[in-house]
Amino acid sequence: VGDMLGWLHQALASENELMNALFAAPEETQQGDTSEAADNIEGEEPWDARMILDRIFEGVCRPFKVRVEQVLTTVPGGVGPGILLTFRLSSLLNFYLHTFSAFLPSNASLSTTLKECVELSSRTFFDVLKAKGEKLLRSPPNVGKDLAPPAACAACVHQLMELMETPDASMLPPNHPDHLDFNPVIAAIIDPLLEMCQNASKTLAANPTEELAGAADPGAAYTNAPTPAAKKTLEDMPSWAADVYMINCLAATQQPLSAYAMAGSKCDEMVEKMNGHLDAMVAQEASQVLTSVGLADKLAVMQAYSAGSSGGVQHTVMSADPALSCTSVVTALNALFTKLSAADGGLPEFGPMQVPRMRNDAVTKLSTKLVEAYEFVYIALMDPVNGYDNTKANVKHSPAQLRTICSL
């Protein structure tokens, strides 16, 4: 196809020079020459070199279109066309359509044929991408104990980088209306990949047996059901495993693409998703820690008292509320201090997270959230308005000491 297009370009240029020489502009005739033979034959309109070229090259349209259709339907080996082949062909046809417009009118037979070939190749390219994405969604990978991203992440990113680096991607000027917009291409490759990762992460967030029971298609669920060994691995996973797995998948996809300006908007979107998973993970883990030491419910009621909310508040002061008795609140507060100051690591360190900066942020945000909860309860106990007596003797550690222990 490339050779045919090259020959057509050369032939068009040569024939265009010949037409311009044969049908010279009227100003080249001598003044006073009233003969209209050069411009008008039997009352017809003046000759137009562009229309003549259209007639000359009309015969190559059908063979050329057949050849393009052959390339897009079969390739050596009897398999369908590949992603890179269809992409390069679409870009090449689009470039020559723009180039031939200097010689041919927009309604010329060859121009129309090229437009049809561009549409066909572009449609085939996105059909191939769609089929690949559907294949990914049909077979989500089993999640390993290390929560590492699947091999499909590296494969899809490599494929996308290959497309972005191909010279054919930038044949037309950036300001040209037909210049390729890469955002749909990026979305067609990355969105199914991330959806596949999201589906795989759901096995970490729920009991696999419950997931099978609630599946819309039990047969499909059993097709992708985890093996007994994988199921045992899932049962041993911590509650934050699903978020860490998604962060790893997003990072493995985003970091290589961040070097390409055309992928900037998708990279920003993935960074936002990573931060969302991080915040959700920290909030969930903080809630579990507070619940485990018996402080979550007490903190919620204390916050309702402080906000002056009527919901759940049945007494004028905190100390009069049985749920906020001094003994129970102090016991829960001391338990939280013990957990935060434990030398053997009372809090998770999110070791499987493969992005060191985000792992450190997660640990810091979790500690900060728990220390803030400790500080809120501590201040409420020390405030005379709330009616607690002799709390300093029972609560021996201030929030400042806890911040120092947690390196905040």
Foldseek 3Di string as FASTA:
>chain_A
DVVVLVVVLVVLVVLLVVLCVQLDDPVVDDPPDPDCVSQDDPRDGGDDSQVVVLVVCLVCLVVVLVVLVVQQQADPPGDGDDLQVLLLQLLSLVLSLVVCVVRHPCPRNNNVSSVVSNVVSVVSNLVNLQVVLVVLQLAQDQADLLLAADPLLVVLLVVLVVSVPDPSLCSDPPPDPPRDQCVVVCCSRVVSSLVSLLVNLVCLQDQLVVCLVPDPDNVSSVVRRDDPVSNVSSVPDDNLSSLLSSLNSLCSNLVVCCVPPSCVVVSVVSVVSNVVSLVVSLVVQLLVLLVVLPNNVVLVLLVCLVVVHPPPDDDPAQCVDPSRPLVSLLSSLVVLLCLLLPPVHSDDQSVSRPPVVSSVVSLVSNLVVSLVSSQSSVVSQPDVRRPHPPNCVSNPDHSVNSCVSSVD
